Amino acid sequence: MKTALTIAGSDCSGGAGIQADLKTFIMHGVYGMSAVTALTAQNTRGVTDIQESTPDFLASQLDAVFTDIFPDAVKVGMVSSVPLIEVIAERLRFYKAKNIVVDPVMVATSGSSLIKGGAVQALTEKQFPLADIVTPNIPEGETLCGFKIENAADMEKAARKIHSEYGCSVLLKGGHGAGGADDLFCTDAGLLWLRAERVDSPNTHGTGCTLSSAIAANLAKGASPERAVRLAKDYVTGALRAGLDLGHGSGPLNHAFAITEHQQEEKL
């Protein structure tokens, strides 16, 4: 059985963070493990408190995983401070981790800030060079590229700039833009648009976490980066279509029961 590790924050409401990641891993037939960067008191309405792991304790979690069950892929999510970013980068480099997906979580779907000042620079300098794929949304992309992203041309310019500056493939997610939910994948080979209709649903809490962990799960199973991204986008789109409401903007039943039949049967 293939394995994947999520390094991210805990969402006590179960819709995002490591909870969403582990549910996504299991729905893809991948054994999931986690290293917790922070405990958060949050739900779909907002984040009310954050308690970070210490750098030493986070390093101990990573050592425990890598020295016993070496992951076939790693997803890095919410990391809010420079010392934690540095520890993750050092440990991933030390263990020669592979198939690394970095979701540069900066702001929760509810609008709550999840990253401290100075951490963005550390993220781009320490973690991006290790990543195979980074998955910013439009607001995160604007922070990374330094200009407003208002249309498809801007998305192409931003994706190229992030790819060029940091040397990793970039999936720039278009869900925050107007119109459809078109994402843009930028690699050494060029640009690839991944088109999808916008699903009219309030249940979007945790979709970014789910997408990045689905990419990691598919990479762990041997998919190429392009195929991993395509399968992950199909998975999240299907989850949003099939979602059941648990509460205010709860997420599509945390996406766990919405995997499509063809993805369950499809072999990479």
Protein backbone atom coordinates (compact mmCIF):
# COMPACT_ATOMS: atom_id res chain seq x y z
CA MET A 1 0.00 0.00 0.00
CA LYS A 2 1.33 3.42 -0.94
CA THR A 3 1.84 6.00 1.82
CA ALA A 4 1.49 9.76 2.12
CA LEU A 5 2.32 12.25 4.87
CA THR A 6 0.48 15.48 5.55
CA ILE A 7 2.34 18.20 7.42
CA ALA A 8 -0.35 20.70 8.33
CA GLY A 9 -2.59 22.18 10.99
CA SER A 10 -5.47 20.42 12.70
CA ASP A 11 -9.00 21.66 12.01
CA CYS A 12 -11.17 20.69 14.96
CA SER A 13 -14.31 21.00 12.81
CA GLY A 14 -12.97 18.27 10.51
CA GLY A 15 -13.41 20.03 7.19
CA ALA A 16 -9.88 21.19 6.41
CA GLY A 17 -6.30 20.64 7.53
CA ILE A 18 -4.99 17.21 8.43
CA GLN A 19 -8.51 15.87 8.89
CA ALA A 20 -9.42 16.63 5.27
CA ASP A 21 -6.04 15.35 4.10
CA LEU A 22 -6.32 12.00 5.86
CA LYS A 23 -9.87 11.47 4.57
CA THR A 24 -8.66 12.24 1.06
CA PHE A 25 -5.73 9.84 1.35
CA ILE A 26 -7.95 6.98 2.45
CA MET A 27 -10.45 7.64 -0.35
CA HIS A 28 -7.55 7.29 -2.79
CA GLY A 29 -6.42 4.01 -1.27
CA VAL A 30 -3.30 5.53 0.27
CA TYR A 31 -2.14 5.03 3.85
CA GLY A 32 -2.08 8.45 5.49
CA MET A 33 0.17 9.85 8.22
CA SER A 34 0.33 13.31 9.77
CA ALA A 35 2.70 15.71 11.47
CA VAL A 36 0.75 18.49 13.18
CA THR A 37 2.10 22.02 12.80
CA ALA A 38 -0.62 23.64 14.89
CA LEU A 39 -3.89 23.04 16.66
CA THR A 40 -6.58 25.42 15.51
CA ALA A 41 -9.94 26.30 16.99
CA GLN A 42 -11.90 26.84 13.80
CA ASN A 43 -14.97 25.99 11.82
CA THR A 44 -16.38 27.16 8.50
CA ARG A 45 -17.14 30.58 10.02
CA GLY A 46 -13.61 31.42 11.09
CA VAL A 47 -10.51 30.72 13.15
CA THR A 48 -10.70 31.73 16.81
CA ASP A 49 -7.39 30.42 18.17
CA ILE A 50 -4.12 28.79 17.06
CA GLN A 51 -1.68 26.84 19.20
CA GLU A 52 1.54 26.05 17.32
CA SER A 53 3.68 22.99 17.74
CA THR A 54 7.19 23.76 18.91
CA PRO A 55 9.91 23.30 16.28
CA ASP A 56 11.46 20.48 18.32
CA PHE A 57 8.17 18.61 18.65
CA LEU A 58 7.41 18.99 14.95
CA ALA A 59 10.88 17.65 14.14
CA SER A 60 10.22 14.68 16.44
CA GLN A 61 6.98 13.90 14.61
CA LEU A 62 8.76 13.98 11.26
CA ASP A 63 11.59 11.80 12.54
CA ALA A 64 9.08 9.27 13.86
CA VAL A 65 7.41 8.98 10.47
CA PHE A 66 10.45 8.96 8.21
CA THR A 67 12.43 6.44 10.29
CA ASP A 68 9.60 3.90 10.25
CA ILE A 69 7.09 4.34 7.41
CA PHE A 70 8.80 6.34 4.68
CA PRO A 71 6.13 8.29 2.76
CA ASP A 72 5.75 7.94 -1.00
CA ALA A 73 4.52 11.54 -1.11
CA VAL A 74 4.36 14.54 1.21
CA LYS A 75 1.80 17.32 1.36
CA VAL A 76 2.70 20.48 3.27
CA GLY A 77 -0.20 22.70 4.28
CA MET A 78 -0.64 25.32 6.98
CA VAL A 79 2.69 26.38 8.49
CA SER A 80 2.34 29.74 10.18
CA SER A 81 5.82 30.71 11.41
CA VAL A 82 9.43 30.85 10.22
CA PRO A 83 10.91 28.34 12.72
CA LEU A 84 8.40 25.65 11.72
CA ILE A 85 8.97 26.30 8.01
CA GLU A 86 12.70 25.93 8.53
CA VAL A 87 12.34 22.68 10.49
CA ILE A 88 10.14 21.13 7.81
CA ALA A 89 12.54 22.11 5.03
CA GLU A 90 15.55 20.78 6.93
CA ARG A 91 13.92 17.44 7.74
CA LEU A 92 12.54 16.93 4.22
CA ARG A 93 15.98 17.65 2.79
CA PHE A 94 17.67 15.38 5.34
CA TYR A 95 15.42 12.41 4.53
CA LYS A 96 15.42 13.11 0.79
CA ALA A 97 11.63 13.19 0.70
CA LYS A 98 9.99 12.75 -2.68
CA ASN A 99 6.79 13.86 -4.40
CA ILE A 100 6.38 17.01 -2.30
CA VAL A 101 3.25 19.14 -2.76
CA VAL A 102 3.22 22.51 -0.99
CA ASP A 103 -0.10 24.26 -0.47
CA PRO A 104 0.95 27.77 0.62
CA VAL A 105 -1.95 28.32 3.01
CA MET A 106 -2.09 31.97 3.99
CA VAL A 107 -5.76 32.76 4.56
CA ALA A 108 -8.61 30.42 5.52
CA THR A 109 -11.70 30.19 3.32
CA SER A 110 -13.48 32.21 6.01
CA GLY A 111 -10.95 35.03 5.56
CA SER A 112 -8.93 34.43 8.73
CA SER A 113 -5.16 34.92 8.43
CA LEU A 114 -3.14 31.75 9.01
CA ILE A 115 0.43 32.96 8.51
CA LYS A 116 2.68 35.33 10.44
CA GLY A 117 4.75 38.18 9.07
CA GLY A 118 7.99 37.07 7.45
CA ALA A 119 6.77 33.52 6.96
CA VAL A 120 5.95 34.00 3.28
CA GLN A 121 9.57 34.75 2.45
CA ALA A 122 10.75 31.74 4.45
CA LEU A 123 8.18 29.58 2.68
CA THR A 124 9.38 30.59 -0.77
CA GLU A 125 13.07 30.38 0.13
CA LYS A 126 13.05 27.16 2.16
CA GLN A 127 10.15 24.99 0.99
CA PHE A 128 9.40 25.96 -2.61
CA PRO A 129 12.81 24.78 -3.88
CA LEU A 130 12.02 21.31 -2.44
CA ALA A 131 8.52 21.15 -3.89
CA ASP A 132 7.49 19.27 -6.99
CA ILE A 133 4.19 21.18 -7.14
CA VAL A 134 2.89 24.26 -5.32
CA THR A 135 -0.84 25.01 -5.29
CA PRO A 136 -1.62 28.70 -4.57
CA ASN A 137 -5.07 30.15 -5.05
CA ILE A 138 -5.46 33.59 -6.62
CA PRO A 139 -4.98 35.67 -3.42
CA GLU A 140 -1.94 33.56 -2.54
CA GLY A 141 -0.71 33.84 -6.10
CA GLU A 142 -0.95 37.62 -5.89
CA THR A 143 1.19 37.59 -2.76
CA LEU A 144 3.77 35.38 -4.46
CA CYS A 145 3.95 37.22 -7.79
CA GLY A 146 3.47 40.77 -6.50
CA PHE A 147 0.61 41.95 -8.73
CA LYS A 148 -3.17 41.66 -9.04
CA ILE A 149 -4.61 38.66 -10.87
CA GLU A 150 -7.83 39.72 -12.54
CA ASN A 151 -8.13 37.59 -15.67
CA ALA A 152 -6.73 34.60 -17.55
CA ALA A 153 -3.81 36.56 -18.95
CA ASP A 154 -2.84 37.63 -15.44
CA MET A 155 -3.03 34.01 -14.28
CA GLU A 156 -0.66 32.96 -17.06
CA LYS A 157 1.77 35.76 -16.25
CA ALA A 158 1.65 34.94 -12.51
CA ALA A 159 2.09 31.19 -12.98
CA ARG A 160 5.08 31.73 -15.24
CA LYS A 161 6.66 34.14 -12.77
CA ILE A 162 6.21 31.81 -9.76
CA HIS A 163 7.52 28.86 -11.76
CA SER A 164 10.51 30.82 -13.01
CA GLU A 165 11.43 32.34 -9.66
CA TYR A 166 11.08 29.24 -7.49
CA GLY A 167 11.77 26.38 -9.89
CA CYS A 168 8.72 24.26 -9.07
CA SER A 169 5.63 23.36 -11.04
CA VAL A 170 2.68 25.60 -10.16
CA LEU A 171 -1.02 24.83 -10.05
CA LEU A 172 -2.62 28.27 -9.83
CA LYS A 173 -6.20 27.71 -8.72
CA GLY A 174 -8.82 29.92 -10.31
CA GLY A 175 -11.72 29.37 -7.93
CA HIS A 176 -11.45 32.88 -6.47
CA GLY A 177 -11.80 34.45 -9.89
CA ALA A 178 -14.91 35.36 -11.83
CA GLY A 179 -16.57 32.89 -14.18
CA GLY A 180 -15.62 29.23 -14.11
CA ALA A 181 -13.29 27.31 -11.84
CA ASP A 182 -10.40 27.04 -14.29
CA ASP A 183 -6.98 26.17 -12.89
CA LEU A 184 -3.65 26.70 -14.62
CA PHE A 185 -0.77 24.22 -14.41
CA CYS A 186 2.66 25.63 -15.25
CA THR A 187 5.64 23.30 -15.71
CA ASP A 188 8.89 23.23 -17.64
CA ALA A 189 6.81 22.04 -20.60
CA GLY A 190 4.60 25.13 -20.57
CA LEU A 191 1.06 26.03 -19.57
CA LEU A 192 -1.91 23.68 -19.28
CA TRP A 193 -5.42 24.94 -18.56
CA LEU A 194 -7.66 22.63 -16.52
CA ARG A 195 -11.21 23.72 -17.25
CA ALA A 196 -14.19 23.10 -14.99
CA GLU A 197 -17.56 24.65 -14.43
CA ARG A 198 -18.12 26.48 -11.18
CA VAL A 199 -20.22 24.34 -8.84
CA ASP A 200 -22.80 26.51 -7.08
CA SER A 201 -22.19 25.42 -3.51
CA PRO A 202 -21.49 27.13 -0.18
CA ASN A 203 -19.60 24.03 0.94
CA THR A 204 -16.07 25.02 0.01
CA HIS A 205 -14.37 24.78 3.40
CA GLY A 206 -11.28 22.63 2.96
CA THR A 207 -11.32 22.35 -0.83
CA GLY A 208 -7.74 23.62 -1.13
CA CYS A 209 -6.50 21.11 1.44
CA THR A 210 -8.40 18.33 -0.31
CA LEU A 211 -7.02 19.23 -3.74
CA SER A 212 -3.38 19.31 -2.65
CA SER A 213 -3.67 16.06 -0.69
CA ALA A 214 -5.39 14.40 -3.65
CA ILE A 215 -2.45 15.45 -5.83
CA ALA A 216 -0.03 13.98 -3.29
CA ALA A 217 -2.02 10.74 -3.09
CA ASN A 218 -1.96 10.34 -6.87
CA LEU A 219 1.77 11.07 -6.99
CA ALA A 220 2.29 8.43 -4.31
CA LYS A 221 0.48 5.93 -6.52
CA GLY A 222 2.80 6.64 -9.42
CA ALA A 223 0.88 9.18 -11.49
CA SER A 224 2.79 11.77 -13.48
CA PRO A 225 2.44 15.34 -12.16
CA GLU A 226 0.03 16.26 -14.95
CA ARG A 227 -2.13 13.19 -14.39
CA ALA A 228 -2.04 13.64 -10.61
CA VAL A 229 -3.31 17.21 -11.00
CA ARG A 230 -6.03 16.22 -13.46
CA LEU A 231 -7.30 13.38 -11.24
CA ALA A 232 -7.24 15.60 -8.16
CA LYS A 233 -9.23 18.35 -9.85
CA ASP A 234 -11.82 15.82 -11.05
CA TYR A 235 -12.05 14.46 -7.51
CA VAL A 236 -12.71 17.84 -5.90
CA THR A 237 -15.19 18.88 -8.61
CA GLY A 238 -17.07 15.61 -8.11
CA ALA A 239 -17.00 16.11 -4.34
CA LEU A 240 -18.54 19.56 -4.63
CA ARG A 241 -21.27 18.25 -6.92
CA ALA A 242 -22.11 15.39 -4.56
CA GLY A 243 -21.67 17.26 -1.28
CA LEU A 244 -24.16 17.03 1.56
CA ASP A 245 -24.67 19.88 3.98
CA LEU A 246 -23.60 19.26 7.57
CA GLY A 247 -24.00 22.86 8.63
CA HIS A 248 -23.10 26.40 7.61
CA GLY A 249 -20.75 26.04 4.61
CA SER A 250 -19.65 22.70 5.96
CA GLY A 251 -17.86 21.36 2.92
CA PRO A 252 -19.09 18.46 0.75
CA LEU A 253 -19.31 16.03 3.67
CA ASN A 254 -15.57 16.68 3.94
CA HIS A 255 -15.36 15.21 0.44
CA ALA A 256 -14.98 11.73 1.91
CA PHE A 257 -18.06 10.14 0.35
CA ALA A 258 -17.98 11.95 -2.97
CA ILE A 259 -15.24 10.14 -4.86
CA THR A 260 -16.54 9.17 -8.25
CA GLU A 261 -16.92 5.56 -9.33
CA HIS A 262 -14.56 5.90 -12.26
CA GLN A 263 -11.78 7.16 -10.00
CA GLN A 264 -12.22 4.22 -7.64
CA GLU A 265 -11.84 1.81 -10.52
CA GLU A 266 -9.31 3.68 -12.66
CA LYS A 267 -5.76 2.36 -12.57
CA LEU A 268 -2.85 4.73 -12.92
